[in-house]
Amino acid sequence: MKYDYSLYLVTDRKCMSAATLCEAVEQAIAGGCTLVQLREEETLSADFYRLAKEVKCVTDHYRVPLIINNRADIALAVDAAGVHVGQRDIPASAVRKIIGKEMLLGVSASTLEEAVKARKDGADYLGVGAMFPTRTKSDARRVPFRELWAIRQAVPIPIVVIGGINRENSALFPGRGIDGLAVISAILAQPDIRLAAAELKNIFAHALSLKHVE
């Protein structure tokens, strides 16, 4: 199955403007989000499971894939499209054994070495960052653009960039083989979530069309 990574929403209930997460996700999808990653790191397992089921009802309705952050067990329990893991989570190779060959596996990487290993361990796509300072992960390692380009040249799987992505910098990535933008607060924290998503989607698509013309 081919996935559209162009606008990849990562959830964080601490920074959203909507009353509920399901409402926020629905608005973001209406604005053009093409993948949703449920990332609720401080949520108890039972609550995370219930929340995943609720959010999946929304994503299923709009036929948008749902990715579960870190928790392969919950991803399997709710029949999500895949799992995303970071460098401090269960190793990607172990997750691949748990979820099998069919489910999508994403891995966070901030260095060329991590990216190459992730691909070797069975990753289907990479989340590379943090590209810019971000309030949602203040301890995230910054990735220089030269490292991003090195990763792109070395690893053939799709790449989404994450970390401080917003309207001002989202046009910097098209034309260099980057498949999409992973966004949290630039969508969820905005007064109009649907409009914020639509604007980011349009900026990325417009910049990509200009690069193709060049």
Protein backbone atom coordinates (compact mmCIF):
# COMPACT_ATOMS: atom_id res chain seq x y z
CA MET A 1 0.00 0.00 0.00
CA LYS A 2 1.25 3.46 -0.89
CA TYR A 3 0.93 6.10 1.83
CA ASP A 4 0.67 9.87 1.51
CA TYR A 5 3.08 11.39 4.02
CA SER A 6 2.66 15.02 2.95
CA LEU A 7 0.98 16.26 6.15
CA TYR A 8 1.58 13.97 9.11
CA LEU A 9 -0.23 14.99 12.28
CA VAL A 10 1.29 14.05 15.65
CA THR A 11 -1.11 14.46 18.55
CA ASP A 12 -0.51 16.21 21.86
CA ARG A 13 -3.53 17.02 23.99
CA LYS A 14 -1.53 19.50 26.06
CA CYS A 15 -1.31 21.98 23.19
CA MET A 16 -4.57 21.64 21.27
CA SER A 17 -7.21 24.33 20.88
CA ALA A 18 -10.15 21.94 20.36
CA ALA A 19 -12.32 20.62 23.17
CA THR A 20 -11.48 16.96 22.48
CA LEU A 21 -8.76 15.08 20.66
CA CYS A 22 -11.24 13.46 18.29
CA GLU A 23 -12.55 16.89 17.34
CA ALA A 24 -9.01 18.15 16.78
CA VAL A 25 -8.09 15.15 14.63
CA GLU A 26 -11.26 15.49 12.55
CA GLN A 27 -10.59 19.17 11.92
CA ALA A 28 -6.97 18.46 10.99
CA ILE A 29 -8.02 15.76 8.53
CA ALA A 30 -10.61 18.12 7.05
CA GLY A 31 -7.75 20.57 6.48
CA GLY A 32 -5.65 18.02 4.63
CA CYS A 33 -3.74 15.84 7.11
CA THR A 34 -2.92 12.54 5.45
CA LEU A 35 -1.58 10.49 8.37
CA VAL A 36 -2.25 10.69 12.11
CA GLN A 37 0.11 9.51 14.83
CA LEU A 38 -1.44 9.11 18.26
CA ARG A 39 1.30 10.15 20.69
CA GLU A 40 0.13 10.45 24.28
CA GLU A 41 3.23 9.65 26.29
CA GLU A 42 1.86 10.34 29.77
CA THR A 43 -1.35 8.35 29.35
CA LEU A 44 -2.03 5.11 31.22
CA SER A 45 -2.36 1.98 29.10
CA ALA A 46 -6.12 1.53 29.57
CA ASP A 47 -6.79 5.18 28.80
CA PHE A 48 -4.45 5.08 25.79
CA TYR A 49 -6.32 2.05 24.44
CA ARG A 50 -9.72 3.74 24.80
CA LEU A 51 -8.40 6.93 23.22
CA ALA A 52 -6.87 4.97 20.35
CA LYS A 53 -10.22 3.30 19.66
CA GLU A 54 -12.00 6.66 19.66
CA VAL A 55 -9.48 8.33 17.37
CA LYS A 56 -9.48 5.35 15.02
CA CYS A 57 -13.23 5.74 14.53
CA VAL A 58 -12.46 9.23 13.18
CA THR A 59 -9.51 8.23 11.02
CA ASP A 60 -11.36 5.21 9.63
CA HIS A 61 -14.30 7.39 8.68
CA TYR A 62 -12.01 9.57 6.57
CA ARG A 63 -9.84 6.65 5.42
CA VAL A 64 -6.72 8.17 6.95
CA PRO A 65 -4.13 5.75 8.41
CA LEU A 66 -3.63 5.83 12.18
CA ILE A 67 -0.14 5.27 13.58
CA ILE A 68 0.36 4.50 17.28
CA ASN A 69 3.42 5.93 18.97
CA ASN A 70 5.63 3.34 20.67
CA ARG A 71 2.89 0.92 21.77
CA ALA A 72 2.87 -2.04 19.38
CA ASP A 73 0.40 -3.83 21.65
CA ILE A 74 -2.15 -1.05 21.38
CA ALA A 75 -1.57 -0.72 17.64
CA LEU A 76 -2.39 -4.41 17.25
CA ALA A 77 -5.35 -4.22 19.64
CA VAL A 78 -7.08 -1.44 17.69
CA ASP A 79 -5.95 -2.65 14.26
CA ALA A 80 -4.01 0.53 13.53
CA ALA A 81 -2.09 1.00 10.30
CA GLY A 82 1.24 0.99 12.08
CA VAL A 83 3.60 1.90 14.90
CA HIS A 84 6.20 4.64 15.28
CA VAL A 85 9.16 4.27 17.65
CA GLY A 86 11.96 6.52 18.79
CA GLN A 87 15.56 5.77 19.61
CA ARG A 88 14.74 5.22 23.31
CA ASP A 89 11.80 2.90 22.65
CA ILE A 90 11.69 -0.81 21.86
CA PRO A 91 14.16 -1.44 19.00
CA ALA A 92 12.65 -1.29 15.54
CA SER A 93 13.81 -4.81 14.76
CA ALA A 94 11.88 -6.15 17.75
CA VAL A 95 8.78 -4.14 16.85
CA ARG A 96 8.88 -5.52 13.32
CA LYS A 97 8.80 -9.06 14.74
CA ILE A 98 5.78 -8.15 16.86
CA ILE A 99 3.70 -6.42 14.19
CA GLY A 100 4.69 -8.57 11.20
CA LYS A 101 5.41 -7.50 7.64
CA GLU A 102 2.12 -5.84 6.75
CA MET A 103 1.90 -3.06 9.34
CA LEU A 104 3.66 0.23 8.80
CA LEU A 105 6.76 0.86 10.93
CA GLY A 106 8.15 4.36 11.40
CA VAL A 107 11.35 5.22 13.24
CA SER A 108 12.67 8.54 14.53
CA ALA A 109 16.23 9.38 13.52
CA SER A 110 18.50 12.36 14.03
CA THR A 111 21.72 11.01 12.50
CA LEU A 112 22.75 9.20 9.36
CA GLU A 113 23.81 6.19 11.44
CA GLU A 114 20.40 5.95 13.12
CA ALA A 115 18.62 6.27 9.78
CA VAL A 116 20.65 3.56 8.09
CA LYS A 117 20.12 1.22 11.04
CA ALA A 118 16.39 1.92 11.10
CA ARG A 119 16.08 0.95 7.45
CA LYS A 120 18.08 -2.21 8.08
CA ASP A 121 15.84 -3.06 11.04
CA GLY A 122 12.68 -2.88 8.94
CA ALA A 123 11.51 0.74 9.02
CA ASP A 124 9.07 1.76 6.28
CA TYR A 125 9.62 5.47 6.82
CA LEU A 126 11.68 7.86 8.94
CA GLY A 127 10.77 10.83 11.10
CA VAL A 128 13.86 13.04 10.97
CA GLY A 129 14.33 15.87 13.45
CA ALA A 130 14.21 17.99 15.39
CA MET A 131 14.79 20.37 12.49
CA PHE A 132 14.03 23.48 14.56
CA PRO A 133 13.52 24.27 18.26
CA THR A 134 10.28 22.78 19.55
CA ARG A 135 8.34 23.23 22.77
CA THR A 136 6.80 19.76 22.61
CA LYS A 137 10.22 18.08 22.94
CA SER A 138 12.66 20.52 24.46
CA ASP A 139 15.38 17.86 24.79
CA ALA A 140 15.21 16.77 21.14
CA ARG A 141 18.51 16.78 19.27
CA ARG A 142 18.70 19.34 16.45
CA VAL A 143 19.39 17.95 12.98
CA PRO A 144 21.47 20.16 10.65
CA PHE A 145 20.20 20.40 7.09
CA ARG A 146 23.39 18.78 5.83
CA GLU A 147 22.61 15.72 7.96
CA LEU A 148 19.07 15.61 6.59
CA TRP A 149 20.37 15.68 3.01
CA ALA A 150 22.92 12.96 3.83
CA ILE A 151 20.13 10.78 5.22
CA ARG A 152 18.02 11.41 2.14
CA GLN A 153 20.84 10.36 -0.17
CA ALA A 154 21.65 7.21 1.82
CA VAL A 155 18.21 5.87 2.73
CA PRO A 156 15.56 5.23 0.05
CA ILE A 157 12.45 5.05 2.25
CA PRO A 158 10.07 8.01 2.79
CA ILE A 159 11.14 10.79 5.14
CA VAL A 160 8.98 13.20 7.11
CA VAL A 161 10.66 16.09 8.89
CA ILE A 162 9.60 17.00 12.42
CA GLY A 163 10.42 19.51 15.12
CA GLY A 164 9.34 23.13 15.00
CA ILE A 165 7.78 22.87 11.53
CA ASN A 166 5.48 25.83 10.87
CA ARG A 167 4.18 28.15 8.14
CA GLU A 168 7.43 30.11 8.01
CA ASN A 169 9.79 27.18 7.41
CA SER A 170 7.60 24.54 5.76
CA ALA A 171 8.58 25.61 2.24
CA LEU A 172 12.27 24.82 2.84
CA PHE A 173 11.93 21.07 2.30
CA PRO A 174 10.24 20.28 -1.04
CA GLY A 175 12.53 19.50 -3.95
CA ARG A 176 15.08 17.65 -1.83
CA GLY A 177 13.29 14.33 -1.63
CA ILE A 178 11.43 15.02 1.59
CA ASP A 179 8.05 13.32 1.56
CA GLY A 180 6.17 15.29 4.16
CA LEU A 181 5.89 17.49 7.22
CA ALA A 182 5.20 16.08 10.69
CA VAL A 183 3.45 18.75 12.71
CA ILE A 184 2.05 19.18 16.20
CA SER A 185 1.46 22.67 17.57
CA ALA A 186 1.49 24.45 14.19
CA ILE A 187 -1.82 22.70 13.61
CA LEU A 188 -3.28 21.61 16.95
CA ALA A 189 -2.54 24.77 18.91
CA GLN A 190 -4.00 27.12 16.31
CA PRO A 191 -7.41 28.73 16.81
CA ASP A 192 -8.64 27.26 13.51
CA ILE A 193 -7.14 23.77 13.23
CA ARG A 194 -8.66 23.04 9.83
CA LEU A 195 -7.36 26.28 8.35
CA ALA A 196 -3.89 25.78 9.85
CA ALA A 197 -3.65 22.31 8.30
CA ALA A 198 -4.90 23.54 4.93
CA GLU A 199 -2.37 26.39 4.89
CA LEU A 200 0.55 24.07 5.67
CA LYS A 201 -0.59 21.59 3.05
CA ASN A 202 -0.87 24.32 0.44
CA ILE A 203 2.52 25.83 1.28
CA PHE A 204 4.23 22.46 0.99
CA ALA A 205 2.43 21.56 -2.24
CA HIS A 206 3.11 24.97 -3.79
CA ALA A 207 6.79 24.87 -2.89
CA LEU A 208 7.02 21.35 -4.31
CA SER A 209 5.42 22.44 -7.59
CA LEU A 210 7.89 25.31 -7.90
CA LYS A 211 10.83 22.97 -7.30
CA HIS A 212 9.53 20.62 -10.01
CA VAL A 213 9.32 23.55 -12.43
CA GLU A 214 12.92 24.50 -11.66
